Amino acid sequence: MNPKLASWGLFIVLSFIWGSSFILMKEGLKELTAYQVAAIRMLSAGVVLLPFALKGFQTVDRKSLWKVLLTGIIGSFIPAILFCIAETKIDSALAGMLNALTPLCVIIVGVLFFKSTAKWQKILGVIVGFSGMVLLFLSQKTTSQETHFFYALLVFIATLCYGINVNILSTYLKHIPSLQIAAIAFVALIIPSLIVLWVDGFFHHDFLDDDVLLAIGAGSVLGIFGTAIASILFYMLLKRAGALFSSMVTYGIPFVAVFWGVIDGESVTILQMVGLLIILSGVYLANKD
């Protein structure tokens, strides 16, 4: 297959998978708590990647191992919980739009804590992107603007976690194969995920109820495809096409999320779309050479 076509194929598939994650969270939350959906997501990803973890645990040095485990907590477990809690109050489409802030958070965290350099263009991109975020914050029609702001802010904190994770990976873990990092990180979350499910009363559900099974299925698909398989595909794209092209997936994800939100009956305003386009403009400025 033509390398460019293969790269674009991975790009489209990743945009669809990650863009669909938000509606799957919403489906899972119909019968399960936010903590349960997040735990099922991590548990499913860990189980799928279990065969790849053994080699990783055997070959990764102890000094790097704790950093890999940290990426699982900061880059996956905490954001998964934050996104699910947020979607109990805000639309999945809005969550997908706010997720577009991730590249800007990578830059901010890198400059503040990882000694990355920031040209004026990157700073301008961050400012533009955050002006779009403010517009999204103000665009949602809710009975309590303060409540909406708080739950939207949880999504922003999740993107900050992604920013920390990317900087840890690029600064300290370049020497470890990407698949091994993902496998170790998610397999290590199997036991914590089971503990969360136990403490939160998951095993008291009626597992013969179709709605409960559908919610569990949504969480499992989210973990298998949206976390485990998507991570592998992203690493493949990164190696094939480089960081710049791979980062462009950020542009596809929110539009897929908006599509599913509209299909599910969510209302998307012109003001929200303007906010999204402003954020993506900021991402473009910040990443432009």
C-alpha atoms as a PDB file:
ATOM      1  CA  MET A   1       0.000   0.000   0.000  1.00  0.00           C
ATOM      2  CA  ASN A   2       1.096   3.560  -0.706  1.00  0.00           C
ATOM      3  CA  PRO A   3       2.694   4.958   2.522  1.00  0.00           C
ATOM      4  CA  LYS A   4       0.763   8.231   2.250  1.00  0.00           C
ATOM      5  CA  LEU A   5      -2.535   6.401   1.797  1.00  0.00           C
ATOM      6  CA  ALA A   6      -1.706   4.189   4.777  1.00  0.00           C
ATOM      7  CA  SER A   7      -0.972   7.233   6.920  1.00  0.00           C
ATOM      8  CA  TRP A   8      -4.200   8.924   5.904  1.00  0.00           C
ATOM      9  CA  GLY A   9      -6.062   5.686   6.590  1.00  0.00           C
ATOM     10  CA  LEU A  10      -4.664   5.573  10.128  1.00  0.00           C
ATOM     11  CA  PHE A  11      -5.494   9.271  10.538  1.00  0.00           C
ATOM     12  CA  ILE A  12      -9.147   8.742   9.575  1.00  0.00           C
ATOM     13  CA  VAL A  13      -9.537   5.630  11.728  1.00  0.00           C
ATOM     14  CA  LEU A  14      -7.995   7.346  14.767  1.00  0.00           C
ATOM     15  CA  SER A  15     -10.157  10.431  14.342  1.00  0.00           C
ATOM     16  CA  PHE A  16     -13.242   8.227  14.209  1.00  0.00           C
ATOM     17  CA  ILE A  17     -12.248   6.057  17.198  1.00  0.00           C
ATOM     18  CA  TRP A  18     -11.205   8.887  19.502  1.00  0.00           C
ATOM     19  CA  GLY A  19     -14.015  11.144  18.312  1.00  0.00           C
ATOM     20  CA  SER A  20     -16.502   8.397  19.172  1.00  0.00           C
ATOM     21  CA  SER A  21     -15.138   8.001  22.705  1.00  0.00           C
ATOM     22  CA  PHE A  22     -17.291  10.798  24.107  1.00  0.00           C
ATOM     23  CA  ILE A  23     -20.614   9.334  22.974  1.00  0.00           C
ATOM     24  CA  LEU A  24     -19.547   5.924  24.338  1.00  0.00           C
ATOM     25  CA  MET A  25     -18.896   7.540  27.720  1.00  0.00           C
ATOM     26  CA  LYS A  26     -22.347   9.074  27.588  1.00  0.00           C
ATOM     27  CA  GLU A  27     -23.892   5.675  26.777  1.00  0.00           C
ATOM     28  CA  GLY A  28     -22.067   4.016  29.658  1.00  0.00           C
ATOM     29  CA  LEU A  29     -23.173   6.726  32.089  1.00  0.00           C
ATOM     30  CA  LYS A  30     -26.835   5.895  31.470  1.00  0.00           C
ATOM     31  CA  GLU A  31     -26.597   2.956  33.900  1.00  0.00           C
ATOM     32  CA  LEU A  32     -23.159   3.207  35.501  1.00  0.00           C
ATOM     33  CA  THR A  33     -21.381   5.828  37.585  1.00  0.00           C
ATOM     34  CA  ALA A  34     -18.547   7.916  36.189  1.00  0.00           C
ATOM     35  CA  TYR A  35     -16.033   5.935  38.238  1.00  0.00           C
ATOM     36  CA  GLN A  36     -17.393   2.630  36.962  1.00  0.00           C
ATOM     37  CA  VAL A  37     -17.254   3.651  33.286  1.00  0.00           C
ATOM     38  CA  ALA A  38     -13.680   4.919  33.695  1.00  0.00           C
ATOM     39  CA  ALA A  39     -12.619   1.751  35.552  1.00  0.00           C
ATOM     40  CA  ILE A  40     -14.180  -0.533  32.925  1.00  0.00           C
ATOM     41  CA  ARG A  41     -12.372   1.450  30.233  1.00  0.00           C
ATOM     42  CA  MET A  42      -8.978   0.999  31.918  1.00  0.00           C
ATOM     43  CA  LEU A  43      -9.682  -2.632  32.832  1.00  0.00           C
ATOM     44  CA  SER A  44     -10.610  -3.527  29.255  1.00  0.00           C
ATOM     45  CA  ALA A  45      -7.516  -1.840  27.855  1.00  0.00           C
ATOM     46  CA  GLY A  46      -5.304  -3.626  30.373  1.00  0.00           C
ATOM     47  CA  VAL A  47      -6.754  -7.043  29.578  1.00  0.00           C
ATOM     48  CA  VAL A  48      -6.319  -6.544  25.814  1.00  0.00           C
ATOM     49  CA  LEU A  49      -2.687  -5.432  26.225  1.00  0.00           C
ATOM     50  CA  LEU A  50      -1.824  -8.135  28.774  1.00  0.00           C
ATOM     51  CA  PRO A  51       0.013 -10.358  26.234  1.00  0.00           C
ATOM     52  CA  PHE A  52       2.385  -7.474  25.403  1.00  0.00           C
ATOM     53  CA  ALA A  53       3.154  -6.503  28.998  1.00  0.00           C
ATOM     54  CA  LEU A  54       5.320  -9.478  30.008  1.00  0.00           C
ATOM     55  CA  LYS A  55       8.215  -8.496  27.742  1.00  0.00           C
ATOM     56  CA  GLY A  56       7.909  -4.913  28.887  1.00  0.00           C
ATOM     57  CA  PHE A  57       8.161  -5.745  32.588  1.00  0.00           C
ATOM     58  CA  GLN A  58      11.197  -7.921  31.834  1.00  0.00           C
ATOM     59  CA  THR A  59      13.108  -5.385  29.747  1.00  0.00           C
ATOM     60  CA  VAL A  60      12.272  -1.948  31.160  1.00  0.00           C
ATOM     61  CA  ASP A  61      14.776  -0.781  33.776  1.00  0.00           C
ATOM     62  CA  ARG A  62      13.489  -0.034  37.259  1.00  0.00           C
ATOM     63  CA  LYS A  63      14.377   3.649  37.014  1.00  0.00           C
ATOM     64  CA  SER A  64      12.093   4.053  34.018  1.00  0.00           C
ATOM     65  CA  LEU A  65       9.404   1.665  35.225  1.00  0.00           C
ATOM     66  CA  TRP A  66       7.906   4.030  37.786  1.00  0.00           C
ATOM     67  CA  LYS A  67       7.728   6.760  35.140  1.00  0.00           C
ATOM     68  CA  VAL A  68       5.836   4.381  32.828  1.00  0.00           C
ATOM     69  CA  LEU A  69       3.414   3.576  35.651  1.00  0.00           C
ATOM     70  CA  LEU A  70       3.009   7.305  36.279  1.00  0.00           C
ATOM     71  CA  THR A  71       2.024   7.870  32.639  1.00  0.00           C
ATOM     72  CA  GLY A  72      -0.769   5.320  33.073  1.00  0.00           C
ATOM     73  CA  ILE A  73      -2.175   7.185  36.077  1.00  0.00           C
ATOM     74  CA  ILE A  74      -1.713  10.762  34.833  1.00  0.00           C
ATOM     75  CA  GLY A  75      -2.222  10.145  31.128  1.00  0.00           C
ATOM     76  CA  SER A  76      -5.130   7.696  31.272  1.00  0.00           C
ATOM     77  CA  PHE A  77      -6.716   6.845  34.622  1.00  0.00           C
ATOM     78  CA  ILE A  78      -7.263  10.371  35.975  1.00  0.00           C
ATOM     79  CA  PRO A  79      -8.433  11.859  32.620  1.00  0.00           C
ATOM     80  CA  ALA A  80     -10.820   8.928  32.098  1.00  0.00           C
ATOM     81  CA  ILE A  81     -12.492   9.669  35.441  1.00  0.00           C
ATOM     82  CA  LEU A  82     -12.554  13.438  34.847  1.00  0.00           C
ATOM     83  CA  PHE A  83     -14.128  13.089  31.402  1.00  0.00           C
ATOM     84  CA  CYS A  84     -16.817  10.729  32.721  1.00  0.00           C
ATOM     85  CA  ILE A  85     -17.657  13.021  35.657  1.00  0.00           C
ATOM     86  CA  ALA A  86     -17.804  15.999  33.286  1.00  0.00           C
ATOM     87  CA  GLU A  87     -20.185  14.224  30.929  1.00  0.00           C
ATOM     88  CA  THR A  88     -22.722  13.772  33.703  1.00  0.00           C
ATOM     89  CA  LYS A  89     -23.420  17.507  33.262  1.00  0.00           C
ATOM     90  CA  ILE A  90     -22.154  18.621  29.844  1.00  0.00           C
ATOM     91  CA  ASP A  91     -22.795  17.274  26.344  1.00  0.00           C
ATOM     92  CA  SER A  92     -20.434  14.756  24.760  1.00  0.00           C
ATOM     93  CA  ALA A  93     -20.019  17.124  21.791  1.00  0.00           C
ATOM     94  CA  LEU A  94     -18.779  19.918  24.056  1.00  0.00           C
ATOM     95  CA  ALA A  95     -16.378  17.512  25.797  1.00  0.00           C
ATOM     96  CA  GLY A  96     -14.990  16.570  22.391  1.00  0.00           C
ATOM     97  CA  MET A  97     -14.525  20.217  21.466  1.00  0.00           C
ATOM     98  CA  LEU A  98     -12.668  21.012  24.693  1.00  0.00           C
ATOM     99  CA  ASN A  99     -10.433  17.986  24.151  1.00  0.00           C
ATOM    100  CA  ALA A 100      -8.900  19.966  21.248  1.00  0.00           C
ATOM    101  CA  LEU A 101      -7.016  21.984  23.887  1.00  0.00           C
ATOM    102  CA  THR A 102      -4.617  19.054  24.441  1.00  0.00           C
ATOM    103  CA  PRO A 103      -1.820  20.255  22.082  1.00  0.00           C
ATOM    104  CA  LEU A 104      -1.871  23.682  23.727  1.00  0.00           C
ATOM    105  CA  CYS A 105      -1.579  22.078  27.164  1.00  0.00           C
ATOM    106  CA  VAL A 106       1.411  20.066  25.906  1.00  0.00           C
ATOM    107  CA  ILE A 107       3.134  23.361  25.052  1.00  0.00           C
ATOM    108  CA  ILE A 108       2.215  25.068  28.350  1.00  0.00           C
ATOM    109  CA  VAL A 109       3.379  22.166  30.522  1.00  0.00           C
ATOM    110  CA  GLY A 110       6.552  21.810  28.461  1.00  0.00           C
ATOM    111  CA  VAL A 111       7.477  25.475  28.887  1.00  0.00           C
ATOM    112  CA  LEU A 112       6.623  25.659  32.589  1.00  0.00           C
ATOM    113  CA  PHE A 113       8.056  22.356  33.814  1.00  0.00           C
ATOM    114  CA  PHE A 114      10.173  20.681  31.115  1.00  0.00           C
ATOM    115  CA  LYS A 115      12.377  23.566  29.910  1.00  0.00           C
ATOM    116  CA  SER A 116      10.821  23.686  26.451  1.00  0.00           C
ATOM    117  CA  THR A 117      11.246  26.878  24.457  1.00  0.00           C
ATOM    118  CA  ALA A 118       8.287  28.937  23.320  1.00  0.00           C
ATOM    119  CA  LYS A 119       8.428  31.304  20.376  1.00  0.00           C
ATOM    120  CA  TRP A 120       6.003  34.221  20.119  1.00  0.00           C
ATOM    121  CA  GLN A 121       3.939  32.224  17.630  1.00  0.00           C
ATOM    122  CA  LYS A 122       3.366  29.418  20.146  1.00  0.00           C
ATOM    123  CA  ILE A 123       2.407  31.929  22.823  1.00  0.00           C
ATOM    124  CA  LEU A 124      -0.038  33.588  20.420  1.00  0.00           C
ATOM    125  CA  GLY A 125      -1.481  30.176  19.544  1.00  0.00           C
ATOM    126  CA  VAL A 126      -2.058  29.394  23.237  1.00  0.00           C
ATOM    127  CA  ILE A 127      -3.778  32.753  23.778  1.00  0.00           C
ATOM    128  CA  VAL A 128      -6.020  32.258  20.727  1.00  0.00           C
ATOM    129  CA  GLY A 129      -6.848  28.687  21.753  1.00  0.00           C
ATOM    130  CA  PHE A 130      -7.813  29.667  25.271  1.00  0.00           C
ATOM    131  CA  SER A 131     -10.010  32.478  24.011  1.00  0.00           C
ATOM    132  CA  GLY A 132     -11.902  29.766  22.119  1.00  0.00           C
ATOM    133  CA  MET A 133     -12.166  27.747  25.327  1.00  0.00           C
ATOM    134  CA  VAL A 134     -13.681  30.710  27.162  1.00  0.00           C
ATOM    135  CA  LEU A 135     -16.214  31.084  24.363  1.00  0.00           C
ATOM    136  CA  LEU A 136     -17.144  27.402  24.718  1.00  0.00           C
ATOM    137  CA  PHE A 137     -17.500  27.839  28.471  1.00  0.00           C
ATOM    138  CA  LEU A 138     -19.956  30.682  27.933  1.00  0.00           C
ATOM    139  CA  SER A 139     -21.888  29.109  25.065  1.00  0.00           C
ATOM    140  CA  GLN A 140     -23.559  26.242  26.926  1.00  0.00           C
ATOM    141  CA  LYS A 141     -27.133  26.983  27.948  1.00  0.00           C
ATOM    142  CA  THR A 142     -27.646  25.633  31.468  1.00  0.00           C
ATOM    143  CA  THR A 143     -29.671  26.621  34.480  1.00  0.00           C
ATOM    144  CA  SER A 144     -26.459  27.159  36.422  1.00  0.00           C
ATOM    145  CA  GLN A 145     -23.561  28.746  34.555  1.00  0.00           C
ATOM    146  CA  GLU A 146     -21.294  28.086  37.561  1.00  0.00           C
ATOM    147  CA  THR A 147     -22.096  24.364  37.488  1.00  0.00           C
ATOM    148  CA  HIS A 148     -21.429  24.184  33.757  1.00  0.00           C
ATOM    149  CA  PHE A 149     -18.131  26.018  34.170  1.00  0.00           C
ATOM    150  CA  PHE A 150     -16.973  23.582  36.867  1.00  0.00           C
ATOM    151  CA  TYR A 151     -17.668  20.451  34.818  1.00  0.00           C
ATOM    152  CA  ALA A 152     -16.180  21.949  31.655  1.00  0.00           C
ATOM    153  CA  LEU A 153     -13.142  22.842  33.761  1.00  0.00           C
ATOM    154  CA  LEU A 154     -12.741  19.143  34.605  1.00  0.00           C
ATOM    155  CA  VAL A 155     -12.213  18.471  30.888  1.00  0.00           C
ATOM    156  CA  PHE A 156      -9.562  21.183  30.794  1.00  0.00           C
ATOM    157  CA  ILE A 157      -7.793  19.569  33.773  1.00  0.00           C
ATOM    158  CA  ALA A 158      -7.902  16.256  31.881  1.00  0.00           C
ATOM    159  CA  THR A 159      -6.194  17.887  28.891  1.00  0.00           C
ATOM    160  CA  LEU A 160      -3.552  19.268  31.260  1.00  0.00           C
ATOM    161  CA  CYS A 161      -2.961  15.684  32.414  1.00  0.00           C
ATOM    162  CA  TYR A 162      -2.508  14.703  28.771  1.00  0.00           C
ATOM    163  CA  GLY A 163      -0.012  17.548  28.438  1.00  0.00           C
ATOM    164  CA  ILE A 164       2.009  16.300  31.416  1.00  0.00           C
ATOM    165  CA  ASN A 165       1.899  12.754  30.059  1.00  0.00           C
ATOM    166  CA  VAL A 166       3.177  13.690  26.587  1.00  0.00           C
ATOM    167  CA  ASN A 167       6.066  15.647  28.087  1.00  0.00           C
ATOM    168  CA  ILE A 168       7.032  12.765  30.381  1.00  0.00           C
ATOM    169  CA  LEU A 169       6.987  10.382  27.421  1.00  0.00           C
ATOM    170  CA  SER A 170       9.019  12.633  25.120  1.00  0.00           C
ATOM    171  CA  THR A 171      11.520  13.666  27.798  1.00  0.00           C
ATOM    172  CA  TYR A 172      12.190  10.495  29.777  1.00  0.00           C
ATOM    173  CA  LEU A 173      10.841   7.476  27.900  1.00  0.00           C
ATOM    174  CA  LYS A 174      11.999   7.837  24.295  1.00  0.00           C
ATOM    175  CA  HIS A 175      14.204   4.742  24.623  1.00  0.00           C
ATOM    176  CA  ILE A 176      11.259   2.443  25.423  1.00  0.00           C
ATOM    177  CA  PRO A 177       9.070   1.061  22.592  1.00  0.00           C
ATOM    178  CA  SER A 178       5.663   2.714  22.592  1.00  0.00           C
ATOM    179  CA  LEU A 179       3.722  -0.551  22.705  1.00  0.00           C
ATOM    180  CA  GLN A 180       5.605  -1.640  25.814  1.00  0.00           C
ATOM    181  CA  ILE A 181       4.844   1.651  27.523  1.00  0.00           C
ATOM    182  CA  ALA A 182       1.122   1.326  26.792  1.00  0.00           C
ATOM    183  CA  ALA A 183       1.034  -2.342  27.808  1.00  0.00           C
ATOM    184  CA  ILE A 184       2.818  -1.804  31.125  1.00  0.00           C
ATOM    185  CA  ALA A 185       0.813   1.308  31.980  1.00  0.00           C
ATOM    186  CA  PHE A 186      -2.614  -0.231  31.320  1.00  0.00           C
ATOM    187  CA  VAL A 187      -1.889  -3.685  32.741  1.00  0.00           C
ATOM    188  CA  ALA A 188      -0.728  -2.000  35.951  1.00  0.00           C
ATOM    189  CA  LEU A 189      -4.168  -0.349  36.146  1.00  0.00           C
ATOM    190  CA  ILE A 190      -6.088  -3.650  36.126  1.00  0.00           C
ATOM    191  CA  ILE A 191      -6.000  -4.106  39.913  1.00  0.00           C
ATOM    192  CA  PRO A 192      -6.756  -0.430  40.752  1.00  0.00           C
ATOM    193  CA  SER A 193      -9.656  -0.568  38.272  1.00  0.00           C
ATOM    194  CA  LEU A 194     -11.072  -3.686  39.942  1.00  0.00           C
ATOM    195  CA  ILE A 195     -10.766  -1.998  43.337  1.00  0.00           C
ATOM    196  CA  VAL A 196     -12.668   1.057  42.059  1.00  0.00           C
ATOM    197  CA  LEU A 197     -15.419  -1.193  40.672  1.00  0.00           C
ATOM    198  CA  TRP A 198     -15.666  -3.072  43.972  1.00  0.00           C
ATOM    199  CA  VAL A 199     -15.737   0.033  46.187  1.00  0.00           C
ATOM    200  CA  ASP A 200     -18.219   1.836  43.923  1.00  0.00           C
ATOM    201  CA  GLY A 201     -20.716  -1.026  44.038  1.00  0.00           C
ATOM    202  CA  PHE A 202     -20.408  -2.188  40.432  1.00  0.00           C
ATOM    203  CA  PHE A 203     -20.873  -5.849  41.323  1.00  0.00           C
ATOM    204  CA  HIS A 204     -24.296  -5.125  42.820  1.00  0.00           C
ATOM    205  CA  HIS A 205     -25.743  -4.363  39.374  1.00  0.00           C
ATOM    206  CA  ASP A 206     -28.266  -6.696  37.775  1.00  0.00           C
ATOM    207  CA  PHE A 207     -26.130  -8.215  35.026  1.00  0.00           C
ATOM    208  CA  LEU A 208     -29.190  -9.744  33.365  1.00  0.00           C
ATOM    209  CA  ASP A 209     -30.556  -6.263  32.662  1.00  0.00           C
ATOM    210  CA  ASP A 210     -30.104  -5.333  28.990  1.00  0.00           C
ATOM    211  CA  ASP A 211     -29.500  -1.657  29.755  1.00  0.00           C
ATOM    212  CA  VAL A 212     -26.760  -2.506  32.248  1.00  0.00           C
ATOM    213  CA  LEU A 213     -25.119  -4.859  29.769  1.00  0.00           C
ATOM    214  CA  LEU A 214     -25.291  -2.174  27.067  1.00  0.00           C
ATOM    215  CA  ALA A 215     -23.598   0.332  29.376  1.00  0.00           C
ATOM    216  CA  ILE A 216     -20.878  -2.182  30.281  1.00  0.00           C
ATOM    217  CA  GLY A 217     -20.433  -2.960  26.591  1.00  0.00           C
ATOM    218  CA  ALA A 218     -20.009   0.743  25.804  1.00  0.00           C
ATOM    219  CA  GLY A 219     -17.335   1.059  28.493  1.00  0.00           C
ATOM    220  CA  SER A 220     -15.564  -2.057  27.243  1.00  0.00           C
ATOM    221  CA  VAL A 221     -15.576  -0.901  23.612  1.00  0.00           C
ATOM    222  CA  LEU A 222     -14.249   2.424  24.853  1.00  0.00           C
ATOM    223  CA  GLY A 223     -11.342   0.658  26.550  1.00  0.00           C
ATOM    224  CA  ILE A 224     -10.555  -1.878  23.825  1.00  0.00           C
ATOM    225  CA  PHE A 225     -10.828   0.457  20.838  1.00  0.00           C
ATOM    226  CA  GLY A 226     -10.615   3.987  22.269  1.00  0.00           C
ATOM    227  CA  THR A 227      -7.659   3.232  24.543  1.00  0.00           C
ATOM    228  CA  ALA A 228      -5.766   0.019  23.724  1.00  0.00           C
ATOM    229  CA  ILE A 229      -6.099  -0.307  19.948  1.00  0.00           C
ATOM    230  CA  ALA A 230      -6.102   3.464  19.365  1.00  0.00           C
ATOM    231  CA  SER A 231      -2.822   3.771  21.275  1.00  0.00           C
ATOM    232  CA  ILE A 232      -1.207   1.144  19.063  1.00  0.00           C
ATOM    233  CA  LEU A 233      -2.532   2.796  15.893  1.00  0.00           C
ATOM    234  CA  PHE A 234      -1.313   6.206  17.027  1.00  0.00           C
ATOM    235  CA  TYR A 235       2.187   4.856  17.642  1.00  0.00           C
ATOM    236  CA  MET A 236       2.106   3.321  14.140  1.00  0.00           C
ATOM    237  CA  LEU A 237       1.080   6.675  12.665  1.00  0.00           C
ATOM    238  CA  LEU A 238       3.765   8.461  14.661  1.00  0.00           C
ATOM    239  CA  LYS A 239       6.477   6.191  13.242  1.00  0.00           C
ATOM    240  CA  ARG A 240       5.104   6.344   9.687  1.00  0.00           C
ATOM    241  CA  ALA A 241       4.344  10.032   9.321  1.00  0.00           C
ATOM    242  CA  GLY A 242       6.092  11.820  12.176  1.00  0.00           C
ATOM    243  CA  ALA A 243       4.894  13.974  15.059  1.00  0.00           C
ATOM    244  CA  LEU A 244       3.527  16.885  13.014  1.00  0.00           C
ATOM    245  CA  PHE A 245       1.136  14.838  10.896  1.00  0.00           C
ATOM    246  CA  SER A 246       0.142  12.680  13.890  1.00  0.00           C
ATOM    247  CA  SER A 247      -0.751  15.741  15.956  1.00  0.00           C
ATOM    248  CA  MET A 248      -3.251  16.739  13.267  1.00  0.00           C
ATOM    249  CA  VAL A 249      -5.589  14.036  14.579  1.00  0.00           C
ATOM    250  CA  THR A 250      -6.567  16.761  17.039  1.00  0.00           C
ATOM    251  CA  TYR A 251      -8.426  18.470  14.183  1.00  0.00           C
ATOM    252  CA  GLY A 252     -10.529  15.422  13.314  1.00  0.00           C
ATOM    253  CA  ILE A 253     -11.591  14.284  16.800  1.00  0.00           C
ATOM    254  CA  PRO A 254     -13.931  17.165  17.798  1.00  0.00           C
ATOM    255  CA  PHE A 255     -15.856  17.058  14.529  1.00  0.00           C
ATOM    256  CA  VAL A 256     -16.546  13.339  14.945  1.00  0.00           C
ATOM    257  CA  ALA A 257     -17.615  14.024  18.551  1.00  0.00           C
ATOM    258  CA  VAL A 258     -19.967  16.779  17.358  1.00  0.00           C
ATOM    259  CA  PHE A 259     -21.387  14.456  14.671  1.00  0.00           C
ATOM    260  CA  TRP A 260     -22.276  11.768  17.223  1.00  0.00           C
ATOM    261  CA  GLY A 261     -23.638  14.385  19.605  1.00  0.00           C
ATOM    262  CA  VAL A 262     -26.005  15.727  16.959  1.00  0.00           C
ATOM    263  CA  ILE A 263     -27.077  12.172  16.024  1.00  0.00           C
ATOM    264  CA  ASP A 264     -27.857  11.585  19.706  1.00  0.00           C
ATOM    265  CA  GLY A 265     -30.038  14.682  19.878  1.00  0.00           C
ATOM    266  CA  GLU A 266     -27.592  17.144  21.424  1.00  0.00           C
ATOM    267  CA  SER A 267     -27.823  20.743  20.290  1.00  0.00           C
ATOM    268  CA  VAL A 268     -24.703  22.353  18.883  1.00  0.00           C
ATOM    269  CA  THR A 269     -24.861  26.128  18.514  1.00  0.00           C
ATOM    270  CA  ILE A 270     -23.101  28.342  15.996  1.00  0.00           C
ATOM    271  CA  LEU A 271     -21.309  29.983  18.933  1.00  0.00           C
ATOM    272  CA  GLN A 272     -19.894  26.603  19.982  1.00  0.00           C
ATOM    273  CA  MET A 273     -18.645  25.879  16.469  1.00  0.00           C
ATOM    274  CA  VAL A 274     -17.001  29.309  16.364  1.00  0.00           C
ATOM    275  CA  GLY A 275     -15.324  28.510  19.690  1.00  0.00           C
ATOM    276  CA  LEU A 276     -14.083  25.187  18.316  1.00  0.00           C
ATOM    277  CA  LEU A 277     -12.675  26.827  15.183  1.00  0.00           C
ATOM    278  CA  ILE A 278     -10.887  29.426  17.326  1.00  0.00           C
ATOM    279  CA  ILE A 279      -9.319  26.645  19.419  1.00  0.00           C
ATOM    280  CA  LEU A 280      -8.183  24.776  16.313  1.00  0.00           C
ATOM    281  CA  SER A 281      -6.764  28.008  14.892  1.00  0.00           C
ATOM    282  CA  GLY A 282      -4.750  28.385  18.080  1.00  0.00           C
ATOM    283  CA  VAL A 283      -3.528  24.783  17.779  1.00  0.00           C
ATOM    284  CA  TYR A 284      -2.465  25.473  14.183  1.00  0.00           C
ATOM    285  CA  LEU A 285      -0.551  28.626  15.149  1.00  0.00           C
ATOM    286  CA  ALA A 286       1.136  26.910  18.089  1.00  0.00           C
ATOM    287  CA  ASN A 287       2.325  23.953  15.997  1.00  0.00           C
ATOM    288  CA  LYS A 288       3.220  25.799  12.799  1.00  0.00           C
ATOM    289  CA  ASP A 289       6.908  25.720  11.923  1.00  0.00           C
END
